[in-house]
Protein backbone atom coordinates (compact mmCIF):
# COMPACT_ATOMS: atom_id res chain seq x y z
CA MET A 1 -25.00 26.54 36.87
CA GLU A 2 -21.29 27.10 37.37
CA ASN A 3 -19.36 28.82 34.61
CA TYR A 4 -17.18 25.73 34.02
CA ASP A 5 -20.22 23.47 33.57
CA LYS A 6 -21.81 26.00 31.23
CA LYS A 7 -18.64 26.08 29.11
CA ILE A 8 -18.74 22.29 28.83
CA LEU A 9 -22.32 22.30 27.60
CA ASP A 10 -21.72 25.24 25.26
CA LEU A 11 -18.84 23.25 23.77
CA ALA A 12 -21.02 20.16 23.35
CA MET A 13 -23.82 22.23 21.82
CA GLU A 14 -21.45 23.92 19.37
CA ALA A 15 -20.03 20.54 18.30
CA GLY A 16 -23.57 19.32 17.67
CA ARG A 17 -24.42 22.47 15.74
CA ILE A 18 -21.42 22.05 13.45
CA LEU A 19 -22.33 18.41 12.81
CA LEU A 20 -25.97 19.12 12.02
CA ASP A 21 -25.04 22.11 9.84
CA ALA A 22 -22.63 19.82 7.96
CA GLY A 23 -25.38 17.28 7.23
CA ALA A 24 -24.64 14.65 9.90
CA GLU A 25 -27.22 12.07 10.98
CA ILE A 26 -29.47 12.76 13.98
CA PHE A 27 -28.07 9.93 16.10
CA ARG A 28 -24.49 11.10 15.48
CA VAL A 29 -25.32 14.60 16.71
CA GLU A 30 -27.05 13.31 19.85
CA GLU A 31 -24.26 10.87 20.72
CA THR A 32 -21.53 13.48 20.18
CA ILE A 33 -23.20 16.02 22.48
CA GLU A 34 -23.79 13.48 25.24
CA ARG A 35 -20.30 11.98 25.00
CA ILE A 36 -18.55 15.34 25.15
CA ALA A 37 -20.66 16.41 28.13
CA GLY A 38 -20.07 13.09 29.89
CA ALA A 39 -16.31 13.19 29.24
CA TYR A 40 -16.06 16.45 31.19
CA GLY A 41 -18.26 15.28 34.08
CA ILE A 42 -21.81 16.27 33.09
CA GLN A 43 -23.73 13.02 33.42
CA LYS A 44 -27.33 14.25 33.43
CA CYS A 45 -27.52 15.54 29.87
CA SER A 46 -30.49 15.08 27.58
CA THR A 47 -30.60 16.01 23.91
CA PHE A 48 -33.40 16.23 21.40
CA VAL A 49 -32.27 16.79 17.83
CA LEU A 50 -34.37 17.56 14.77
CA SER A 51 -33.14 18.12 11.25
CA THR A 52 -33.20 21.88 11.78
CA GLY A 53 -32.72 22.30 15.52
CA ILE A 54 -31.03 21.10 18.71
CA PHE A 55 -32.50 21.12 22.24
CA VAL A 56 -30.18 20.38 25.17
CA THR A 57 -30.96 20.23 28.88
CA ALA A 58 -28.55 19.25 31.64
CA GLU A 59 -28.31 19.21 35.42
CA ASN A 60 -25.16 19.36 37.55
CA GLU A 61 -24.54 17.87 40.99
CA GLU A 62 -25.96 20.97 42.72
CA GLY A 63 -29.25 20.57 40.84
CA GLU A 64 -28.74 23.63 38.64
CA ILE A 65 -30.39 23.38 35.22
CA TYR A 66 -28.93 24.31 31.85
CA ALA A 67 -31.08 24.58 28.76
CA SER A 68 -30.21 25.70 25.25
CA VAL A 69 -31.92 25.70 21.86
CA ARG A 70 -30.26 26.23 18.48
CA HIS A 71 -31.90 26.56 15.07
CA ILE A 72 -29.81 25.21 12.18
CA PRO A 73 -31.16 25.77 8.66
CA PHE A 74 -30.56 23.24 5.89
CA THR A 75 -27.24 23.63 4.09
CA GLY A 76 -25.07 21.47 1.88
CA ALA A 77 -23.03 18.54 3.15
CA LYS A 78 -19.60 19.33 4.62
CA LEU A 79 -18.11 15.90 5.20
CA HIS A 80 -14.66 17.23 6.15
CA ARG A 81 -16.17 19.00 9.18
CA ILE A 82 -18.12 15.92 10.24
CA ALA A 83 -14.93 13.86 10.17
CA ALA A 84 -13.04 16.53 12.13
CA VAL A 85 -15.69 16.81 14.87
CA ASN A 86 -15.89 13.01 15.14
CA GLN A 87 -12.14 12.83 15.60
CA LEU A 88 -12.23 15.62 18.19
CA SER A 89 -15.00 13.94 20.18
CA ARG A 90 -13.00 10.69 20.30
CA LYS A 91 -9.94 12.56 21.58
CA ILE A 92 -12.05 14.30 24.23
CA VAL A 93 -13.46 10.98 25.46
CA GLU A 94 -9.92 9.60 25.62
CA GLY A 95 -8.89 12.57 27.78
CA THR A 96 -6.46 14.04 25.24
CA TYR A 97 -7.86 17.59 25.33
CA THR A 98 -8.55 19.94 28.21
CA LEU A 99 -11.70 22.04 27.95
CA GLN A 100 -9.79 25.09 26.71
CA GLU A 101 -7.86 23.04 24.14
CA ALA A 102 -11.10 21.47 22.92
CA GLU A 103 -12.68 24.92 22.51
CA GLU A 104 -9.69 26.10 20.48
CA GLU A 105 -9.77 23.00 18.29
CA LEU A 106 -13.51 23.32 17.71
CA ALA A 107 -13.05 26.96 16.70
CA LYS A 108 -10.56 25.81 14.06
CA ILE A 109 -13.03 23.23 12.77
CA LYS A 110 -15.78 25.86 12.62
CA ASP A 111 -13.61 28.02 10.36
CA MET A 112 -12.28 25.09 8.34
CA PRO A 113 -12.56 26.02 4.66
CA GLY A 114 -14.15 23.71 2.13
CA LYS A 115 -12.71 22.74 -1.19
CA LYS A 116 -11.67 25.50 -3.55
CA PRO A 117 -14.28 26.45 -6.17
CA LEU A 118 -12.10 25.29 -9.07
CA THR A 119 -11.57 21.91 -7.38
CA ARG A 120 -15.33 21.48 -6.90
CA ILE A 121 -16.04 22.49 -10.49
CA PHE A 122 -13.46 20.06 -11.87
CA ALA A 123 -14.62 17.24 -9.56
CA ALA A 124 -18.23 17.73 -10.73
CA GLY A 125 -17.09 17.37 -14.34
CA VAL A 126 -15.05 14.23 -13.66
CA GLY A 127 -17.85 12.63 -11.66
CA SER A 128 -20.42 13.35 -14.35
CA GLY A 129 -18.16 11.95 -17.06
CA ALA A 130 -17.68 8.78 -15.01
CA PHE A 131 -21.43 8.36 -14.47
CA CYS A 132 -22.01 8.87 -18.19
CA TYR A 133 -19.54 6.03 -18.87
CA LEU A 134 -21.36 3.75 -16.39
CA LEU A 135 -24.59 4.47 -18.25
CA GLY A 136 -23.09 3.27 -21.51
CA GLY A 137 -21.81 6.54 -22.94
CA GLY A 138 -18.83 6.69 -25.25
CA ALA A 139 -15.85 9.04 -25.23
CA GLY A 140 -17.82 11.86 -26.90
CA ASP A 141 -20.70 11.44 -24.45
CA MET A 142 -18.30 11.52 -21.50
CA LEU A 143 -16.71 14.72 -22.79
CA ALA A 144 -20.12 16.35 -23.22
CA ALA A 145 -21.16 15.30 -19.70
CA PHE A 146 -17.85 16.59 -18.29
CA LEU A 147 -18.25 19.99 -19.95
CA SER A 148 -21.93 20.27 -18.99
CA ALA A 149 -21.27 19.55 -15.31
CA PHE A 150 -18.18 21.76 -15.36
CA LEU A 151 -20.24 24.72 -16.55
CA LEU A 152 -23.11 23.79 -14.22
CA TYR A 153 -20.94 24.03 -11.13
CA ALA A 154 -19.44 27.28 -12.38
CA VAL A 155 -23.01 28.66 -12.39
CA LEU A 156 -23.73 27.25 -8.91
CA VAL A 157 -20.52 28.72 -7.47
CA ALA A 158 -21.49 32.10 -8.95
CA LEU A 159 -24.90 31.84 -7.25
CA GLU A 160 -23.26 31.01 -3.91
CA ARG A 161 -21.23 34.22 -4.09
CA ARG A 162 -24.31 36.40 -4.35
CA GLU A 163 -24.73 38.75 -1.42
CA LYS A 164 -28.39 37.77 -1.07
CA GLN A 165 -28.89 34.04 -0.65
CA THR A 166 -30.88 32.41 -3.43
CA SER A 167 -33.74 30.08 -2.54
CA LYS A 168 -32.73 26.41 -2.60
CA ILE A 169 -35.60 25.47 -4.92
CA VAL A 170 -34.68 28.28 -7.31
CA VAL A 171 -31.03 27.21 -7.29
CA ASN A 172 -31.97 23.65 -8.21
CA MET A 173 -34.36 24.83 -10.93
CA ILE A 174 -31.60 26.99 -12.40
CA GLY A 175 -29.19 24.07 -12.10
CA GLY A 176 -31.56 21.66 -13.84
CA PHE A 177 -32.27 24.19 -16.60
CA CYS A 178 -28.60 25.01 -17.19
CA VAL A 179 -27.25 21.46 -17.14
CA SER A 180 -29.90 20.21 -19.57
CA LEU A 181 -29.31 23.25 -21.80
CA PHE A 182 -25.56 22.58 -21.84
CA SER A 183 -26.19 18.89 -22.58
CA VAL A 184 -28.44 19.75 -25.54
CA VAL A 185 -25.98 22.31 -26.92
CA PHE A 186 -23.01 19.94 -26.76
CA TYR A 187 -25.05 17.11 -28.26
CA ARG A 188 -26.18 19.34 -31.12
CA MET A 189 -22.55 20.34 -31.64
CA GLY A 190 -21.75 16.70 -32.34
CA LEU A 191 -20.28 15.62 -29.01
CA GLY A 192 -21.57 12.11 -28.41
CA ASN A 193 -24.54 10.18 -29.71
CA ALA A 194 -26.42 9.27 -26.51
CA PRO A 195 -28.25 12.39 -25.23
CA GLY A 196 -29.91 10.44 -22.43
CA SER A 197 -26.57 9.28 -20.99
CA ILE A 198 -25.14 12.78 -21.33
CA LEU A 199 -28.04 14.37 -19.46
CA VAL A 200 -28.26 11.81 -16.66
CA GLY A 201 -24.49 11.88 -16.14
CA SER A 202 -24.44 15.68 -16.13
CA VAL A 203 -27.28 16.02 -13.64
CA MET A 204 -25.66 13.73 -11.05
CA PRO A 205 -23.94 16.59 -9.13
CA LEU A 206 -27.41 17.94 -8.31
CA VAL A 207 -28.74 14.65 -6.91
CA PRO A 208 -29.25 14.98 -3.10
CA GLY A 209 -27.50 11.72 -2.27
CA VAL A 210 -26.32 12.64 1.24
CA SER A 211 -29.74 13.93 2.34
CA LEU A 212 -31.47 10.85 0.98
CA VAL A 213 -29.06 8.39 2.62
CA ASN A 214 -29.24 10.23 5.95
CA ALA A 215 -33.05 10.22 5.75
CA ILE A 216 -33.04 6.44 5.33
CA ARG A 217 -30.59 6.03 8.22
CA ASP A 218 -32.78 8.23 10.45
CA PHE A 219 -35.82 6.15 9.51
CA ALA A 220 -33.87 2.97 10.35
CA ASP A 221 -32.98 4.42 13.78
CA GLY A 222 -36.64 5.18 14.49
CA ASP A 223 -36.27 8.96 14.10
CA TYR A 224 -39.24 9.43 11.81
CA ILE A 225 -39.52 13.19 12.24
CA GLY A 226 -35.91 13.88 11.32
CA GLY A 227 -35.94 11.30 8.55
CA GLY A 228 -39.18 12.65 7.14
CA VAL A 229 -37.88 16.22 7.04
CA ARG A 230 -34.66 15.17 5.30
CA PHE A 231 -36.58 12.99 2.85
CA LEU A 232 -38.93 15.88 2.04
CA ASP A 233 -35.92 18.15 1.50
CA ALA A 234 -34.41 15.62 -0.92
CA LEU A 235 -37.72 15.39 -2.78
CA MET A 236 -37.91 19.18 -3.09
CA VAL A 237 -34.39 19.25 -4.54
CA ALA A 238 -35.33 16.54 -7.04
CA LEU A 239 -38.52 18.44 -7.93
CA GLY A 240 -36.58 21.64 -8.58
CA VAL A 241 -34.10 19.83 -10.82
CA ALA A 242 -36.91 18.06 -12.69
CA ILE A 243 -38.72 21.35 -13.31
CA GLY A 244 -35.54 22.94 -14.66
CA VAL A 245 -34.86 20.01 -17.00
CA GLY A 246 -38.50 19.99 -18.12
CA ILE A 247 -38.40 23.68 -19.01
CA THR A 248 -35.33 23.18 -21.21
CA TYR A 249 -36.80 20.23 -23.09
CA THR A 250 -40.15 21.98 -23.50
CA ILE A 251 -38.38 24.97 -25.07
CA TYR A 252 -36.37 22.61 -27.29
CA TYR A 253 -39.54 20.87 -28.48
CA ARG A 254 -41.32 24.19 -29.15
CA MET A 255 -38.38 25.53 -31.14
CA THR A 256 -37.49 22.45 -33.17
CA GLY A 257 -40.61 20.30 -33.09
CA GLY A 258 -38.44 17.29 -32.33
CA ILE A 259 -38.12 15.07 -29.27
CA LEU A 260 -34.53 14.71 -28.11
CA LEU A 261 -34.89 11.79 -25.70
């Protein structure tokens, strides 16, 4: 296959990799790859996307075959990158970018930084306080939920900075343990009078909402393999959080002999 055609398909594959790594739906990844390839003249392009991998084959006018496989492990959602790649693919289809310009723009998207740690920590606290309010919590409960989630995300950010990556299940167990511990401590300190609302509001940042929604969308599109894998991943996250919360409340019961919830 000619070098130019290979560059086109490498560009399409990289765009798909960034989308899947950022937590995009299966159909979005497939459509983006095929549209980028088609916009630059590669019409015979076939993609097969799983939740953790992309398979692309293509054929040019001379009958030369291109094939590529990429493995993409599960990571957290990066919605800003999904939006950026979507916008780039639309511009490519419209003919706004040459191949070289598209490669440069995609390289910028690949290195696009996420939100600053302090912003994420503060947003987790605000979101948890808001959920606590929706669950009927008062001002004291909201403050306790805010502080619990604030400290929770500080712990998670610290784990992300470790040189050796921590297992996802372990991270969620630690998160569930810490957030329930913080909730109990603040409740015992006199912040709020609804421990259930405090805990549920505080644990919301750990809920795998994006994975669960994408799993349902994949199921609706008939992609049962991809949807099943994402759904299983969401269940494993929920299991890890539940184990962490259960450990905290078991310790509390053993130490005090009282049931908090």
